[in-house]
Amino acid sequence: MKSSSVLFALFSVITVTVANKVCTPSFDYCASELLSSKGFTEDDLKAALNGTEFEKEDLNNILFHCKNPGDVGHPKVCSGGCKPSEHEGSRNC
């Protein structure tokens, strides 16, 4: 197989993987919502927590800030657990 074909196939897989993650910049999301309806995986969210004081925290207690479409960070712990809303928009603890 030509190397250009391999690169194209690899790029296609990467593009599809990134394109599936969606969030609205400046909105806050509960981890459960990112996992259930925004295309994020548990590994994605754990990677966002890596190197923070919250990396050992239960994901159900974390509120993530959407920095860019498909990119979350700035985690915040919700001591009573994060409670998703039924309406689109930013979440709170």
PDB file of N, CA and C in Angstrom:
ATOM      1  N   MET A   1       0.829  -1.164   0.000  1.00  0.00           N
ATOM      2  CA  MET A   1       0.000   0.000   0.000  1.00  0.00           C
ATOM      3  C   MET A   1       0.885   1.243   0.000  1.00  0.00           C
ATOM      4  N   LYS A   2       0.499   2.235  -0.758  1.00  0.00           N
ATOM      5  CA  LYS A   2       1.280   3.460  -0.819  1.00  0.00           C
ATOM      6  C   LYS A   2       1.208   4.205   0.508  1.00  0.00           C
ATOM      7  N   SER A   3       2.280   4.891   0.811  1.00  0.00           N
ATOM      8  CA  SER A   3       2.305   5.643   2.072  1.00  0.00           C
ATOM      9  C   SER A   3       1.261   6.754   2.078  1.00  0.00           C
ATOM     10  N   SER A   4       0.960   7.326   0.908  1.00  0.00           N
ATOM     11  CA  SER A   4      -0.064   8.373   0.864  1.00  0.00           C
ATOM     12  C   SER A   4      -1.438   7.809   1.209  1.00  0.00           C
ATOM     13  N   SER A   5      -1.711   6.573   0.818  1.00  0.00           N
ATOM     14  CA  SER A   5      -2.985   5.932   1.160  1.00  0.00           C
ATOM     15  C   SER A   5      -3.086   5.693   2.659  1.00  0.00           C
ATOM     16  N   VAL A   6      -1.986   5.273   3.256  1.00  0.00           N
ATOM     17  CA  VAL A   6      -1.964   5.039   4.700  1.00  0.00           C
ATOM     18  C   VAL A   6      -2.187   6.355   5.445  1.00  0.00           C
ATOM     19  N   LEU A   7      -1.507   7.411   5.019  1.00  0.00           N
ATOM     20  CA  LEU A   7      -1.667   8.713   5.664  1.00  0.00           C
ATOM     21  C   LEU A   7      -3.093   9.230   5.522  1.00  0.00           C
ATOM     22  N   PHE A   8      -3.679   9.060   4.345  1.00  0.00           N
ATOM     23  CA  PHE A   8      -5.056   9.496   4.128  1.00  0.00           C
ATOM     24  C   PHE A   8      -6.014   8.746   5.044  1.00  0.00           C
ATOM     25  N   ALA A   9      -5.841   7.440   5.150  1.00  0.00           N
ATOM     26  CA  ALA A   9      -6.705   6.625   6.015  1.00  0.00           C
ATOM     27  C   ALA A   9      -6.544   7.044   7.476  1.00  0.00           C
ATOM     28  N   LEU A  10      -5.318   7.263   7.903  1.00  0.00           N
ATOM     29  CA  LEU A  10      -5.058   7.688   9.276  1.00  0.00           C
ATOM     30  C   LEU A  10      -5.671   9.058   9.548  1.00  0.00           C
ATOM     31  N   PHE A  11      -5.506   9.989   8.630  1.00  0.00           N
ATOM     32  CA  PHE A  11      -6.080  11.325   8.780  1.00  0.00           C
ATOM     33  C   PHE A  11      -7.600  11.261   8.848  1.00  0.00           C
ATOM     34  N   SER A  12      -8.209  10.405   8.050  1.00  0.00           N
ATOM     35  CA  SER A  12      -9.665  10.248   8.063  1.00  0.00           C
ATOM     36  C   SER A  12     -10.156   9.762   9.416  1.00  0.00           C
ATOM     37  N   VAL A  13      -9.464   8.803   9.990  1.00  0.00           N
ATOM     38  CA  VAL A  13      -9.847   8.275  11.304  1.00  0.00           C
ATOM     39  C   VAL A  13      -9.706   9.355  12.370  1.00  0.00           C
ATOM     40  N   ILE A  14      -8.616  10.097  12.332  1.00  0.00           N
ATOM     41  CA  ILE A  14      -8.392  11.164  13.311  1.00  0.00           C
ATOM     42  C   ILE A  14      -9.454  12.243  13.166  1.00  0.00           C
ATOM     43  N   THR A  15      -9.778  12.630  11.956  1.00  0.00           N
ATOM     44  CA  THR A  15     -10.783  13.656  11.714  1.00  0.00           C
ATOM     45  C   THR A  15     -12.141  13.230  12.237  1.00  0.00           C
ATOM     46  N   VAL A  16     -12.531  12.000  11.982  1.00  0.00           N
ATOM     47  CA  VAL A  16     -13.817  11.498  12.460  1.00  0.00           C
ATOM     48  C   VAL A  16     -13.844  11.471  13.977  1.00  0.00           C
ATOM     49  N   THR A  17     -12.758  11.054  14.598  1.00  0.00           N
ATOM     50  CA  THR A  17     -12.693  10.992  16.056  1.00  0.00           C
ATOM     51  C   THR A  17     -12.843  12.378  16.670  1.00  0.00           C
ATOM     52  N   VAL A  18     -12.150  13.364  16.148  1.00  0.00           N
ATOM     53  CA  VAL A  18     -12.227  14.720  16.675  1.00  0.00           C
ATOM     54  C   VAL A  18     -13.577  15.346  16.367  1.00  0.00           C
ATOM     55  N   ALA A  19     -14.104  15.106  15.186  1.00  0.00           N
ATOM     56  CA  ALA A  19     -15.354  15.721  14.772  1.00  0.00           C
ATOM     57  C   ALA A  19     -16.533  15.255  15.603  1.00  0.00           C
ATOM     58  N   ASN A  20     -16.461  14.092  16.217  1.00  0.00           N
ATOM     59  CA  ASN A  20     -17.575  13.583  17.004  1.00  0.00           C
ATOM     60  C   ASN A  20     -17.728  14.297  18.339  1.00  0.00           C
ATOM     61  N   LYS A  21     -16.711  14.942  18.832  1.00  0.00           N
ATOM     62  CA  LYS A  21     -16.782  15.641  20.113  1.00  0.00           C
ATOM     63  C   LYS A  21     -17.335  17.041  19.875  1.00  0.00           C
ATOM     64  N   VAL A  22     -18.409  17.362  20.576  1.00  0.00           N
ATOM     65  CA  VAL A  22     -19.008  18.682  20.407  1.00  0.00           C
ATOM     66  C   VAL A  22     -19.321  19.303  21.763  1.00  0.00           C
ATOM     67  N   CYS A  23     -19.062  20.579  21.860  1.00  0.00           N
ATOM     68  CA  CYS A  23     -19.499  21.366  23.004  1.00  0.00           C
ATOM     69  C   CYS A  23     -19.477  22.824  22.565  1.00  0.00           C
ATOM     70  N   THR A  24     -20.261  23.638  23.235  1.00  0.00           N
ATOM     71  CA  THR A  24     -20.342  25.054  22.898  1.00  0.00           C
ATOM     72  C   THR A  24     -19.323  25.822  23.738  1.00  0.00           C
ATOM     73  N   PRO A  25     -18.391  26.518  23.076  1.00  0.00           N
ATOM     74  CA  PRO A  25     -17.381  27.266  23.824  1.00  0.00           C
ATOM     75  C   PRO A  25     -18.017  28.214  24.840  1.00  0.00           C
ATOM     76  N   SER A  26     -17.409  28.275  25.991  1.00  0.00           N
ATOM     77  CA  SER A  26     -17.782  29.081  27.154  1.00  0.00           C
ATOM     78  C   SER A  26     -18.903  28.469  27.987  1.00  0.00           C
ATOM     79  N   PHE A  27     -19.483  27.347  27.555  1.00  0.00           N
ATOM     80  CA  PHE A  27     -20.490  26.648  28.360  1.00  0.00           C
ATOM     81  C   PHE A  27     -19.796  25.662  29.288  1.00  0.00           C
ATOM     82  N   ASP A  28     -20.428  25.388  30.415  1.00  0.00           N
ATOM     83  CA  ASP A  28     -19.957  24.375  31.357  1.00  0.00           C
ATOM     84  C   ASP A  28     -20.834  23.141  31.231  1.00  0.00           C
ATOM     85  N   TYR A  29     -20.204  21.959  31.297  1.00  0.00           N
ATOM     86  CA  TYR A  29     -20.905  20.688  31.104  1.00  0.00           C
ATOM     87  C   TYR A  29     -20.534  19.693  32.193  1.00  0.00           C
ATOM     88  N   CYS A  30     -21.524  18.947  32.652  1.00  0.00           N
ATOM     89  CA  CYS A  30     -21.268  17.819  33.547  1.00  0.00           C
ATOM     90  C   CYS A  30     -20.596  16.716  32.731  1.00  0.00           C
ATOM     91  N   ALA A  31     -19.726  15.967  33.367  1.00  0.00           N
ATOM     92  CA  ALA A  31     -19.055  14.864  32.678  1.00  0.00           C
ATOM     93  C   ALA A  31     -20.070  13.886  32.101  1.00  0.00           C
ATOM     94  N   SER A  32     -21.146  13.619  32.836  1.00  0.00           N
ATOM     95  CA  SER A  32     -22.150  12.656  32.361  1.00  0.00           C
ATOM     96  C   SER A  32     -22.764  13.091  31.039  1.00  0.00           C
ATOM     97  N   GLU A  33     -22.983  14.380  30.856  1.00  0.00           N
ATOM     98  CA  GLU A  33     -23.543  14.882  29.603  1.00  0.00           C
ATOM     99  C   GLU A  33     -22.528  14.781  28.468  1.00  0.00           C
ATOM    100  N   LEU A  34     -21.280  15.107  28.756  1.00  0.00           N
ATOM    101  CA  LEU A  34     -20.245  14.989  27.729  1.00  0.00           C
ATOM    102  C   LEU A  34     -20.113  13.547  27.257  1.00  0.00           C
ATOM    103  N   LEU A  35     -20.253  12.610  28.191  1.00  0.00           N
ATOM    104  CA  LEU A  35     -20.145  11.186  27.856  1.00  0.00           C
ATOM    105  C   LEU A  35     -21.372  10.677  27.109  1.00  0.00           C
ATOM    106  N   SER A  36     -22.548  11.100  27.522  1.00  0.00           N
ATOM    107  CA  SER A  36     -23.772  10.525  26.952  1.00  0.00           C
ATOM    108  C   SER A  36     -24.218  11.162  25.646  1.00  0.00           C
ATOM    109  N   SER A  37     -23.941  12.455  25.453  1.00  0.00           N
ATOM    110  CA  SER A  37     -24.512  13.087  24.259  1.00  0.00           C
ATOM    111  C   SER A  37     -23.591  14.032  23.502  1.00  0.00           C
ATOM    112  N   LYS A  38     -22.363  14.192  23.948  1.00  0.00           N
ATOM    113  CA  LYS A  38     -21.461  15.133  23.277  1.00  0.00           C
ATOM    114  C   LYS A  38     -20.265  14.465  22.616  1.00  0.00           C
ATOM    115  N   GLY A  39     -20.216  13.137  22.626  1.00  0.00           N
ATOM    116  CA  GLY A  39     -19.179  12.406  21.896  1.00  0.00           C
ATOM    117  C   GLY A  39     -17.857  12.222  22.609  1.00  0.00           C
ATOM    118  N   PHE A  40     -17.758  12.612  23.858  1.00  0.00           N
ATOM    119  CA  PHE A  40     -16.522  12.440  24.612  1.00  0.00           C
ATOM    120  C   PHE A  40     -16.473  11.039  25.209  1.00  0.00           C
ATOM    121  N   THR A  41     -15.264  10.555  25.438  1.00  0.00           N
ATOM    122  CA  THR A  41     -15.075   9.263  26.099  1.00  0.00           C
ATOM    123  C   THR A  41     -14.538   9.519  27.506  1.00  0.00           C
ATOM    124  N   GLU A  42     -14.598   8.493  28.328  1.00  0.00           N
ATOM    125  CA  GLU A  42     -14.044   8.603  29.676  1.00  0.00           C
ATOM    126  C   GLU A  42     -12.553   8.928  29.609  1.00  0.00           C
ATOM    127  N   ASP A  43     -11.850   8.345  28.647  1.00  0.00           N
ATOM    128  CA  ASP A  43     -10.418   8.629  28.479  1.00  0.00           C
ATOM    129  C   ASP A  43     -10.177  10.099  28.129  1.00  0.00           C
ATOM    130  N   ASP A  44     -11.061  10.688  27.305  1.00  0.00           N
ATOM    131  CA  ASP A  44     -10.935  12.111  26.963  1.00  0.00           C
ATOM    132  C   ASP A  44     -11.014  12.974  28.220  1.00  0.00           C
ATOM    133  N   LEU A  45     -11.994  12.672  29.058  1.00  0.00           N
ATOM    134  CA  LEU A  45     -12.208  13.481  30.258  1.00  0.00           C
ATOM    135  C   LEU A  45     -11.103  13.261  31.285  1.00  0.00           C
ATOM    136  N   LYS A  46     -10.639  12.023  31.403  1.00  0.00           N
ATOM    137  CA  LYS A  46      -9.525  11.755  32.322  1.00  0.00           C
ATOM    138  C   LYS A  46      -8.259  12.455  31.843  1.00  0.00           C
ATOM    139  N   ALA A  47      -8.068  12.524  30.531  1.00  0.00           N
ATOM    140  CA  ALA A  47      -6.907  13.234  29.980  1.00  0.00           C
ATOM    141  C   ALA A  47      -6.993  14.726  30.299  1.00  0.00           C
ATOM    142  N   ALA A  48      -8.208  15.286  30.264  1.00  0.00           N
ATOM    143  CA  ALA A  48      -8.387  16.701  30.597  1.00  0.00           C
ATOM    144  C   ALA A  48      -8.092  16.965  32.076  1.00  0.00           C
ATOM    145  N   LEU A  49      -8.281  15.952  32.916  1.00  0.00           N
ATOM    146  CA  LEU A  49      -7.998  16.086  34.350  1.00  0.00           C
ATOM    147  C   LEU A  49      -6.541  15.795  34.696  1.00  0.00           C
ATOM    148  N   ASN A  50      -5.823  15.153  33.777  1.00  0.00           N
ATOM    149  CA  ASN A  50      -4.440  14.759  34.029  1.00  0.00           C
ATOM    150  C   ASN A  50      -3.587  15.982  34.373  1.00  0.00           C
ATOM    151  N   GLY A  51      -2.873  15.880  35.476  1.00  0.00           N
ATOM    152  CA  GLY A  51      -2.009  16.975  35.893  1.00  0.00           C
ATOM    153  C   GLY A  51      -2.717  18.035  36.725  1.00  0.00           C
ATOM    154  N   THR A  52      -4.010  17.836  36.994  1.00  0.00           N
ATOM    155  CA  THR A  52      -4.743  18.776  37.842  1.00  0.00           C
ATOM    156  C   THR A  52      -4.940  18.157  39.219  1.00  0.00           C
ATOM    157  N   GLU A  53      -5.405  18.939  40.140  1.00  0.00           N
ATOM    158  CA  GLU A  53      -5.680  18.438  41.487  1.00  0.00           C
ATOM    159  C   GLU A  53      -6.887  17.504  41.519  1.00  0.00           C
ATOM    160  N   PHE A  54      -7.617  17.396  40.404  1.00  0.00           N
ATOM    161  CA  PHE A  54      -8.841  16.600  40.355  1.00  0.00           C
ATOM    162  C   PHE A  54      -8.698  15.267  39.626  1.00  0.00           C
ATOM    163  N   GLU A  55      -7.475  14.874  39.275  1.00  0.00           N
ATOM    164  CA  GLU A  55      -7.321  13.677  38.447  1.00  0.00           C
ATOM    165  C   GLU A  55      -7.794  12.395  39.111  1.00  0.00           C
ATOM    166  N   LYS A  56      -7.915  12.357  40.426  1.00  0.00           N
ATOM    167  CA  LYS A  56      -8.410  11.164  41.134  1.00  0.00           C
ATOM    168  C   LYS A  56      -9.899  11.282  41.492  1.00  0.00           C
ATOM    169  N   GLU A  57     -10.508  12.404  41.178  1.00  0.00           N
ATOM    170  CA  GLU A  57     -11.905  12.677  41.534  1.00  0.00           C
ATOM    171  C   GLU A  57     -12.866  11.867  40.660  1.00  0.00           C
ATOM    172  N   ASP A  58     -14.006  11.515  41.216  1.00  0.00           N
ATOM    173  CA  ASP A  58     -15.064  10.818  40.484  1.00  0.00           C
ATOM    174  C   ASP A  58     -15.591  11.745  39.385  1.00  0.00           C
ATOM    175  N   LEU A  59     -15.645  11.263  38.155  1.00  0.00           N
ATOM    176  CA  LEU A  59     -16.114  12.084  37.039  1.00  0.00           C
ATOM    177  C   LEU A  59     -17.529  12.616  37.263  1.00  0.00           C
ATOM    178  N   ASN A  60     -18.350  11.907  38.012  1.00  0.00           N
ATOM    179  CA  ASN A  60     -19.719  12.362  38.268  1.00  0.00           C
ATOM    180  C   ASN A  60     -19.764  13.656  39.076  1.00  0.00           C
ATOM    181  N   ASN A  61     -18.646  14.029  39.664  1.00  0.00           N
ATOM    182  CA  ASN A  61     -18.574  15.252  40.470  1.00  0.00           C
ATOM    183  C   ASN A  61     -17.880  16.402  39.749  1.00  0.00           C
ATOM    184  N   ILE A  62     -17.561  16.213  38.485  1.00  0.00           N
ATOM    185  CA  ILE A  62     -16.768  17.213  37.767  1.00  0.00           C
ATOM    186  C   ILE A  62     -17.620  17.990  36.764  1.00  0.00           C
ATOM    187  N   LEU A  63     -17.431  19.298  36.786  1.00  0.00           N
ATOM    188  CA  LEU A  63     -18.015  20.205  35.807  1.00  0.00           C
ATOM    189  C   LEU A  63     -16.862  20.672  34.920  1.00  0.00           C
ATOM    190  N   PHE A  64     -16.983  20.484  33.615  1.00  0.00           N
ATOM    191  CA  PHE A  64     -15.936  20.869  32.662  1.00  0.00           C
ATOM    192  C   PHE A  64     -16.362  22.118  31.908  1.00  0.00           C
ATOM    193  N   HIS A  65     -15.390  22.948  31.584  1.00  0.00           N
ATOM    194  CA  HIS A  65     -15.630  24.145  30.781  1.00  0.00           C
ATOM    195  C   HIS A  65     -15.215  23.853  29.342  1.00  0.00           C
ATOM    196  N   CYS A  66     -16.084  24.172  28.401  1.00  0.00           N
ATOM    197  CA  CYS A  66     -15.759  23.985  26.979  1.00  0.00           C
ATOM    198  C   CYS A  66     -14.912  25.166  26.523  1.00  0.00           C
ATOM    199  N   LYS A  67     -13.651  24.879  26.178  1.00  0.00           N
ATOM    200  CA  LYS A  67     -12.720  25.920  25.753  1.00  0.00           C
ATOM    201  C   LYS A  67     -12.876  26.229  24.270  1.00  0.00           C
ATOM    202  N   ASN A  68     -13.013  25.195  23.481  1.00  0.00           N
ATOM    203  CA  ASN A  68     -13.202  25.274  22.034  1.00  0.00           C
ATOM    204  C   ASN A  68     -14.095  24.104  21.655  1.00  0.00           C
ATOM    205  N   PRO A  69     -14.726  24.136  20.479  1.00  0.00           N
ATOM    206  CA  PRO A  69     -15.557  22.982  20.107  1.00  0.00           C
ATOM    207  C   PRO A  69     -14.746  21.687  20.203  1.00  0.00           C
ATOM    208  N   GLY A  70     -15.228  20.750  21.011  1.00  0.00           N
ATOM    209  CA  GLY A  70     -14.546  19.471  21.167  1.00  0.00           C
ATOM    210  C   GLY A  70     -13.376  19.478  22.124  1.00  0.00           C
ATOM    211  N   ASP A  71     -13.171  20.571  22.865  1.00  0.00           N
ATOM    212  CA  ASP A  71     -12.032  20.683  23.781  1.00  0.00           C
ATOM    213  C   ASP A  71     -12.511  21.224  25.128  1.00  0.00           C
ATOM    214  N   VAL A  72     -12.376  20.405  26.170  1.00  0.00           N
ATOM    215  CA  VAL A  72     -12.803  20.829  27.503  1.00  0.00           C
ATOM    216  C   VAL A  72     -11.622  20.905  28.454  1.00  0.00           C
ATOM    217  N   GLY A  73     -11.784  21.671  29.498  1.00  0.00           N
ATOM    218  CA  GLY A  73     -10.756  21.815  30.516  1.00  0.00           C
ATOM    219  C   GLY A  73     -11.314  22.606  31.680  1.00  0.00           C
ATOM    220  N   HIS A  74     -10.435  23.274  32.425  1.00  0.00           N
ATOM    221  CA  HIS A  74     -10.826  24.084  33.575  1.00  0.00           C
ATOM    222  C   HIS A  74     -11.853  23.365  34.448  1.00  0.00           C
ATOM    223  N   PRO A  75     -11.517  22.163  34.944  1.00  0.00           N
ATOM    224  CA  PRO A  75     -12.482  21.390  35.732  1.00  0.00           C
ATOM    225  C   PRO A  75     -12.790  22.043  37.078  1.00  0.00           C
ATOM    226  N   LYS A  76     -13.991  21.791  37.535  1.00  0.00           N
ATOM    227  CA  LYS A  76     -14.435  22.264  38.843  1.00  0.00           C
ATOM    228  C   LYS A  76     -15.161  21.108  39.520  1.00  0.00           C
ATOM    229  N   VAL A  77     -14.919  20.911  40.816  1.00  0.00           N
ATOM    230  CA  VAL A  77     -15.580  19.836  41.556  1.00  0.00           C
ATOM    231  C   VAL A  77     -16.902  20.347  42.114  1.00  0.00           C
ATOM    232  N   CYS A  78     -17.936  19.554  41.922  1.00  0.00           N
ATOM    233  CA  CYS A  78     -19.251  19.822  42.500  1.00  0.00           C
ATOM    234  C   CYS A  78     -19.404  18.886  43.692  1.00  0.00           C
ATOM    235  N   SER A  79     -19.343  19.421  44.893  1.00  0.00           N
ATOM    236  CA  SER A  79     -19.352  18.575  46.089  1.00  0.00           C
ATOM    237  C   SER A  79     -20.612  17.724  46.203  1.00  0.00           C
ATOM    238  N   GLY A  80     -21.736  18.203  45.704  1.00  0.00           N
ATOM    239  CA  GLY A  80     -22.976  17.427  45.747  1.00  0.00           C
ATOM    240  C   GLY A  80     -23.225  16.660  44.469  1.00  0.00           C
ATOM    241  N   GLY A  81     -22.241  16.604  43.601  1.00  0.00           N
ATOM    242  CA  GLY A  81     -22.404  15.952  42.304  1.00  0.00           C
ATOM    243  C   GLY A  81     -22.897  16.950  41.275  1.00  0.00           C
ATOM    244  N   CYS A  82     -22.523  16.754  40.060  1.00  0.00           N
ATOM    245  CA  CYS A  82     -22.935  17.631  38.970  1.00  0.00           C
ATOM    246  C   CYS A  82     -24.323  17.196  38.505  1.00  0.00           C
ATOM    247  N   LYS A  83     -25.206  18.160  38.328  1.00  0.00           N
ATOM    248  CA  LYS A  83     -26.576  17.847  37.944  1.00  0.00           C
ATOM    249  C   LYS A  83     -26.888  18.453  36.580  1.00  0.00           C
ATOM    250  N   PRO A  84     -26.970  17.607  35.555  1.00  0.00           N
ATOM    251  CA  PRO A  84     -27.255  18.133  34.222  1.00  0.00           C
ATOM    252  C   PRO A  84     -28.665  18.710  34.139  1.00  0.00           C
ATOM    253  N   SER A  85     -28.848  19.635  33.242  1.00  0.00           N
ATOM    254  CA  SER A  85     -30.143  20.266  33.008  1.00  0.00           C
ATOM    255  C   SER A  85     -30.799  19.629  31.792  1.00  0.00           C
ATOM    256  N   GLU A  86     -32.099  19.777  31.673  1.00  0.00           N
ATOM    257  CA  GLU A  86     -32.797  19.248  30.498  1.00  0.00           C
ATOM    258  C   GLU A  86     -32.737  20.229  29.337  1.00  0.00           C
ATOM    259  N   HIS A  87     -32.270  21.448  29.587  1.00  0.00           N
ATOM    260  CA  HIS A  87     -32.205  22.472  28.554  1.00  0.00           C
ATOM    261  C   HIS A  87     -30.760  22.675  28.122  1.00  0.00           C
ATOM    262  N   GLU A  88     -30.579  23.047  26.867  1.00  0.00           N
ATOM    263  CA  GLU A  88     -29.238  23.334  26.363  1.00  0.00           C
ATOM    264  C   GLU A  88     -28.741  24.615  27.020  1.00  0.00           C
ATOM    265  N   GLY A  89     -27.502  24.631  27.389  1.00  0.00           N
ATOM    266  CA  GLY A  89     -26.912  25.808  28.004  1.00  0.00           C
ATOM    267  C   GLY A  89     -25.891  25.408  29.041  1.00  0.00           C
ATOM    268  N   SER A  90     -25.320  26.399  29.658  1.00  0.00           N
ATOM    269  CA  SER A  90     -24.284  26.155  30.646  1.00  0.00           C
ATOM    270  C   SER A  90     -24.871  25.523  31.902  1.00  0.00           C
ATOM    271  N   ARG A  91     -24.098  24.641  32.529  1.00  0.00           N
ATOM    272  CA  ARG A  91     -24.521  23.918  33.734  1.00  0.00           C
ATOM    273  C   ARG A  91     -23.874  24.523  34.972  1.00  0.00           C
ATOM    274  N   ASN A  92     -24.414  24.136  36.113  1.00  0.00           N
ATOM    275  CA  ASN A  92     -23.857  24.546  37.404  1.00  0.00           C
ATOM    276  C   ASN A  92     -23.768  23.329  38.301  1.00  0.00           C
ATOM    277  N   CYS A  93     -23.082  23.490  39.413  1.00  0.00           N
ATOM    278  CA  CYS A  93     -23.037  22.422  40.418  1.00  0.00           C
ATOM    279  C   CYS A  93     -24.378  22.352  41.123  1.00  0.00           C
TER     280      CYS A  93
END
